[in-house]
Amino acid sequence: MTKNNLIAQGMENLKTEAAQRTSRIPRAADANRDPALPQQSQPAETPASVPALMPPAFEASTLDGMDEAKQVETLESAYWDADRAEVRSFQLAKMRASVVKGELLRLLLDRRAPEHRGLTVGDYAESLGVKRQYVYDLIGAARNIRVLAPLIEETSTPVVASQAAVLAPLYEADPEAASLVLQAAKDTGKLSAASLTDAARELGLLLPRAAVEPAPKPTPPVPTSPTYAVNRLAFADAYKVLAPKRIEQLVQEDPGTVLAQVEAIEAEITKVQRRVDAAKKAARNAIEAKR
C-alpha cells in the first residue's frame, strides 16, 4: 500500500471513530435546530411518546385454575379497583382544574378584567360560561387547596373544593389533626365533605371558621364610555349611558367615539324594534284567530 493510501486509510479510520463517539453522546432536544434558520424552516422534531388512552383488556388468563366462586370474587375485586381509580382520577382532574382556574380568575379580577371589557363582574362571569358567585367560589377553592398542598402530597389524596373547604381551616390550625380527620374519612370508604365533618366531630375536634374571608362584592364599574352600553346592548343600559349630562361630558372628551358608539346603539335598537313589531303582529294574529 502506498504512502498516500495509508494516509487516506488512517483519516477514514479517524472519521469513523469520531462518528462512533458522537453517536454515544446524548443529543440535546434542540440538536437538530439551525439558529440561522427561521422557526418555520426548522426540521420537525420527533414527538415524545404519549401514554395510551385505552386501558389494557382484563387478562382472563388470570382466572385459570380458579373455581367459579373465586373467579367471581377476583372479578368483583377488579371492578371495585376500577371504581376507586375512576373516583380518584375524577377528583384529581377536578382539583387541578379548580386550582388553575381559580388562580387565573383571581389574577384577572386583580387586573380589573371586567372593567377592561366594559362589563360588570356578573356579566364577565357569564362571558366565561359561569355564574358570578362561582367565580368567587373557584378563587376560594384554589386558595384552600394550595393550603392543603403538603397534606395532599403526603397522603397522595386529591381533594375537591367542598372537601378543601372543610380541611383547609383545620389544617391551618393543626396540620396533624387535619391528617387524622382525612384518614378517618377515607377509612369510611367514601371521602366527602360530609365524611370529613363527621370524622372531625367523632375525634372531638371543633372545625374552625374558614380562614378565607368572603371576597367583597365589587362595585360595578361606572360606565364612563358608550362602549359599556355597546358591550351590554340592553335597552335599559343604553338609556342610562345616554343620559344627557354623561353624553355632554363624553362628547367633550371624544366626540368621534361617541358618534360611532351611539350609531351602533341605534342600529341595535332598530333590530329590537323590528322584533317587537313582529311579536306584536304575531300576538294580534293569534287573537284574531281565536275569535
Foldseek 3Di string as FASTA:
>chain_A
DDPVVVVVVVVVVVVVVVVVVVVPDDADQCNQADVVDDPVPGDDGDDDDDDDPDDDDDDPCVCPPPPPVVVVVVVVVVVVVVVVVVVQVVLVVQLVCLQVLLVVLVVCVVVVVQVVQLHFLQVVQVVVVHGSVVSQLSVVQNVLVVQCVVVCVVVVGRHHSLLSQQLRQVCVVPVVLSNQLQVQLVVVVDDDSVSSVVSCVVVVHDGDHGPDDRDDRDDTDDRLALSSCLSVLDPVVNVVCVPPVSVVVVCVVPVVRNVVSVVSSVVSVVVVVVVVVVVVVVVVVVVVVVD
